[in-house]
């Protein structure tokens, strides 16, 4: 299985790509790569058109992601985050580039042998947007053809106005599992909870929160 760290999209609140946010002296994406390599993962890619990611210890796949956030408004397709490989039989684990992973979270994601496409994320809602469930962290794909069919199908639903909001990974997950895309729910055999401090750094406040966690630990 190959591992792909998604680092596309643009967010005007960050001066540099948020995946390059430095926490405890290490950029988010560099930490993810390091932890994957410590778990014997050798084939790692980054998806982005930004050459600043060429300094990372992973190959960059040039990928045009139309998603962007400007003045709090979303444009394009969030689902463009998933790289369209040409090999439909490719087994791939998509990692979210803006996530601060704990060592245990990486071990859980790498170590789980999946027989179905499986999503990893928190079990508790951290904001109103996700309603009953929280942040997604990684998607382990063992049926790539089915997965990408779902990506295109949900994008078509977005264009047709059939989704309540811009579809993200939750809408894709529900579609792939035969659920109502607009009603948040998960299935035990295709969702793995990670509630260990792993956090999606989707704004500057969360970056400050994780930095403070390190400062508090140092004081102890």
Protein backbone atom coordinates (compact mmCIF):
# COMPACT_ATOMS: atom_id res chain seq x y z
CA UNK A 1 0.00 0.00 0.00
CA UNK A 2 1.24 3.48 -0.85
CA UNK A 3 0.67 6.51 1.38
CA UNK A 4 -0.40 9.86 -0.05
CA UNK A 5 -0.35 13.03 2.05
CA UNK A 6 -2.86 15.51 0.64
CA UNK A 7 -1.44 19.04 0.64
CA UNK A 8 -3.51 20.82 -1.99
CA UNK A 9 -6.10 23.55 -1.81
CA UNK A 10 -5.52 27.12 -0.67
CA UNK A 11 -6.57 28.99 2.46
CA UNK A 12 -6.19 32.75 2.65
CA UNK A 13 -5.85 32.73 6.45
CA UNK A 14 -2.45 31.03 6.14
CA UNK A 15 0.54 32.90 4.63
CA UNK A 16 2.13 29.57 3.71
CA UNK A 17 0.38 26.23 3.06
CA UNK A 18 -1.10 25.14 6.39
CA UNK A 19 0.52 21.72 5.97
CA UNK A 20 3.85 23.53 6.47
CA UNK A 21 2.75 24.98 9.82
CA UNK A 22 5.59 24.52 12.32
CA UNK A 23 4.72 22.91 15.66
CA UNK A 24 7.42 22.04 18.18
CA UNK A 25 10.10 22.82 15.60
CA UNK A 26 8.71 20.50 12.92
CA UNK A 27 6.38 21.13 10.01
CA UNK A 28 3.13 19.15 10.07
CA UNK A 29 3.82 17.32 6.82
CA UNK A 30 7.39 16.50 7.87
CA UNK A 31 6.12 15.01 11.11
CA UNK A 32 3.66 12.79 9.23
CA UNK A 33 6.37 11.60 6.85
CA UNK A 34 8.77 10.89 9.73
CA UNK A 35 6.19 8.89 11.67
CA UNK A 36 5.23 6.88 8.59
CA UNK A 37 8.89 6.03 7.90
CA UNK A 38 9.38 5.03 11.54
CA UNK A 39 6.57 2.53 10.89
CA UNK A 40 8.44 1.10 7.88
CA UNK A 41 6.41 2.87 5.19
CA UNK A 42 8.72 3.46 2.25
CA UNK A 43 6.45 4.66 -0.59
CA UNK A 44 5.15 8.09 0.41
CA UNK A 45 3.86 10.87 -1.84
CA UNK A 46 2.67 14.45 -1.39
CA UNK A 47 0.00 15.87 -3.69
CA UNK A 48 0.40 19.56 -4.46
CA UNK A 49 1.34 22.03 -7.19
CA UNK A 50 3.38 24.03 -4.64
CA UNK A 51 7.15 23.59 -5.09
CA UNK A 52 7.75 24.36 -1.42
CA UNK A 53 6.84 20.74 -0.71
CA UNK A 54 9.83 19.57 -2.75
CA UNK A 55 11.94 20.07 0.38
CA UNK A 56 10.07 17.23 2.09
CA UNK A 57 11.32 13.64 2.33
CA UNK A 58 8.67 12.37 -0.10
CA UNK A 59 7.97 12.56 -3.82
CA UNK A 60 5.55 15.29 -4.91
CA UNK A 61 2.72 14.41 -7.27
CA UNK A 62 1.64 17.50 -9.19
CA UNK A 63 -2.06 17.72 -8.60
CA UNK A 64 -4.45 20.53 -9.45
CA UNK A 65 -6.84 20.92 -6.53
CA UNK A 66 -9.59 23.47 -7.26
CA UNK A 67 -10.63 23.85 -3.61
CA UNK A 68 -9.94 27.17 -1.91
CA UNK A 69 -11.21 29.24 0.99
CA UNK A 70 -11.33 33.02 0.54
CA UNK A 71 -12.81 35.29 3.21
CA UNK A 72 -14.46 32.28 4.83
CA UNK A 73 -16.19 31.16 1.61
CA UNK A 74 -15.49 27.84 -0.13
CA UNK A 75 -14.93 27.45 -3.86
CA UNK A 76 -14.31 24.50 -6.19
CA UNK A 77 -14.46 20.86 -5.06
CA UNK A 78 -13.14 19.74 -1.70
CA UNK A 79 -13.09 16.18 -3.10
CA UNK A 80 -10.36 17.21 -5.55
CA UNK A 81 -8.05 16.48 -2.63
CA UNK A 82 -7.97 12.80 -3.66
CA UNK A 83 -5.33 12.15 -6.32
CA UNK A 84 -6.71 10.35 -9.41
CA UNK A 85 -4.24 7.53 -9.97
CA UNK A 86 -4.31 5.85 -13.35
CA UNK A 87 -4.03 2.36 -11.85
CA UNK A 88 -7.54 1.40 -10.69
CA UNK A 89 -6.14 -1.49 -8.64
CA UNK A 90 -3.85 0.77 -6.59
CA UNK A 91 -4.13 0.33 -2.83
CA UNK A 92 -3.59 3.70 -1.22
CA UNK A 93 -3.94 5.36 2.15
CA UNK A 94 -4.84 9.03 1.84
CA UNK A 95 -3.49 11.05 4.78
CA UNK A 96 -4.68 14.57 5.58
CA UNK A 97 -1.73 16.93 5.33
CA UNK A 98 -3.04 19.43 7.87
CA UNK A 99 -3.41 16.90 10.68
CA UNK A 100 -1.13 16.69 13.71
CA UNK A 101 -0.90 12.90 14.21
CA UNK A 102 0.15 11.26 17.44
CA UNK A 103 2.56 8.34 17.22
CA UNK A 104 -0.23 5.98 18.31
CA UNK A 105 -2.56 7.28 15.59
CA UNK A 106 0.01 6.52 12.89
CA UNK A 107 0.55 3.03 14.31
CA UNK A 108 -3.21 2.45 14.27
CA UNK A 109 -3.62 3.61 10.67
CA UNK A 110 -0.59 1.73 9.36
CA UNK A 111 -1.23 -1.44 11.35
CA UNK A 112 -4.89 -2.02 10.52
CA UNK A 113 -5.45 -4.59 7.78
CA UNK A 114 -8.57 -3.39 5.97
CA UNK A 115 -10.87 -5.50 3.82
CA UNK A 116 -13.08 -2.52 2.95
CA UNK A 117 -12.39 1.14 2.26
CA UNK A 118 -12.01 2.48 5.80
CA UNK A 119 -12.11 6.00 7.23
CA UNK A 120 -10.25 7.03 10.40
CA UNK A 121 -11.32 9.98 12.56
CA UNK A 122 -12.57 11.20 15.91
CA UNK A 123 -15.80 10.08 17.56
CA UNK A 124 -16.64 13.42 19.17
CA UNK A 125 -17.90 16.52 17.38
CA UNK A 126 -15.47 19.43 17.72
CA UNK A 127 -17.67 21.93 15.89
CA UNK A 128 -21.20 22.33 14.55
CA UNK A 129 -20.19 21.61 10.95
CA UNK A 130 -19.56 17.92 11.63
CA UNK A 131 -22.63 17.51 13.85
CA UNK A 132 -22.46 14.07 15.48
CA UNK A 133 -18.93 13.18 14.43
CA UNK A 134 -15.65 15.02 14.40
CA UNK A 135 -12.58 15.32 12.22
CA UNK A 136 -11.49 12.76 9.60
CA UNK A 137 -7.78 11.89 9.57
CA UNK A 138 -7.10 9.25 6.90
CA UNK A 139 -8.85 7.06 4.34
CA UNK A 140 -7.43 3.61 3.70
CA UNK A 141 -8.55 2.50 0.24
CA UNK A 142 -8.46 -1.16 -0.81
CA UNK A 143 -10.91 -0.79 -3.71
CA UNK A 144 -9.60 2.24 -5.56
CA UNK A 145 -11.95 1.97 -8.54
CA UNK A 146 -14.98 1.99 -6.24
CA UNK A 147 -13.51 4.86 -4.25
CA UNK A 148 -12.89 7.13 -7.25
CA UNK A 149 -16.30 6.31 -8.70
CA UNK A 150 -17.69 7.64 -5.43
CA UNK A 151 -15.60 10.83 -5.70
CA UNK A 152 -16.97 11.61 -9.16
CA UNK A 153 -20.53 10.64 -8.22
CA UNK A 154 -20.58 12.94 -5.19
CA UNK A 155 -19.09 15.79 -7.21
CA UNK A 156 -21.95 15.34 -9.66
CA UNK A 157 -24.39 15.47 -6.75
CA UNK A 158 -22.76 18.73 -5.66
CA UNK A 159 -23.21 20.20 -9.16
CA UNK A 160 -26.85 19.10 -9.17
CA UNK A 161 -27.53 20.77 -5.82
CA UNK A 162 -28.31 17.47 -4.10
CA UNK A 163 -26.03 18.06 -1.11
CA UNK A 164 -26.74 20.39 1.80
CA UNK A 165 -23.22 21.82 1.67
CA UNK A 166 -20.01 21.44 -0.30
CA UNK A 167 -19.29 17.70 -0.01
CA UNK A 168 -16.22 16.70 1.97
CA UNK A 169 -14.98 13.30 3.03
CA UNK A 170 -18.09 12.66 5.14
CA UNK A 171 -20.42 12.85 2.13
CA UNK A 172 -18.07 10.58 0.20
CA UNK A 173 -17.95 8.10 3.08
CA UNK A 174 -21.75 7.94 3.29
CA UNK A 175 -22.11 7.49 -0.46
CA UNK A 176 -19.59 4.65 -0.52
CA UNK A 177 -21.47 2.94 2.30
CA UNK A 178 -24.93 3.30 0.79
CA UNK A 179 -26.06 5.91 3.32
CA UNK A 180 -27.91 9.19 2.92
CA UNK A 181 -25.12 11.64 2.07
CA UNK A 182 -26.83 14.44 4.00
CA UNK A 183 -27.30 12.54 7.29
CA UNK A 184 -24.24 12.02 9.45
CA UNK A 185 -23.70 8.42 10.48
CA UNK A 186 -20.97 5.78 10.42
CA UNK A 187 -20.76 2.00 10.20
CA UNK A 188 -18.60 0.02 12.62
CA UNK A 189 -16.89 -2.03 9.92
CA UNK A 190 -15.73 0.95 7.83
CA UNK A 191 -14.92 3.58 10.47
CA UNK A 192 -12.14 3.58 13.07
CA UNK A 193 -12.18 6.07 15.96
CA UNK A 194 -8.97 7.82 16.96
CA UNK A 195 -9.45 9.90 20.11
CA UNK A 196 -5.89 10.40 21.33
CA UNK A 197 -5.11 14.07 20.76
CA UNK A 198 -4.64 13.81 16.99
CA UNK A 199 -5.99 17.09 15.62
CA UNK A 200 -6.86 18.72 12.31
CA UNK A 201 -5.08 22.11 12.15
CA UNK A 202 -7.73 23.88 10.10
CA UNK A 203 -7.25 27.31 11.62
CA UNK A 204 -4.65 29.37 13.48
CA UNK A 205 -6.32 28.84 16.86
CA UNK A 206 -5.86 25.07 16.64
CA UNK A 207 -2.19 25.54 15.75
CA UNK A 208 -1.80 27.68 18.88
CA UNK A 209 -3.63 25.02 20.90
CA UNK A 210 -1.21 22.26 19.88
CA UNK A 211 1.81 24.52 20.43
CA UNK A 212 0.54 25.30 23.93
CA UNK A 213 0.18 21.57 24.60
CA UNK A 214 3.93 21.21 24.02
CA UNK A 215 4.72 24.23 26.17
CA UNK A 216 2.65 22.81 29.02
CA UNK A 217 4.35 19.43 28.70
CA UNK A 218 7.77 21.07 28.80
CA UNK A 219 6.84 22.83 32.02
CA UNK A 220 5.89 19.50 33.56
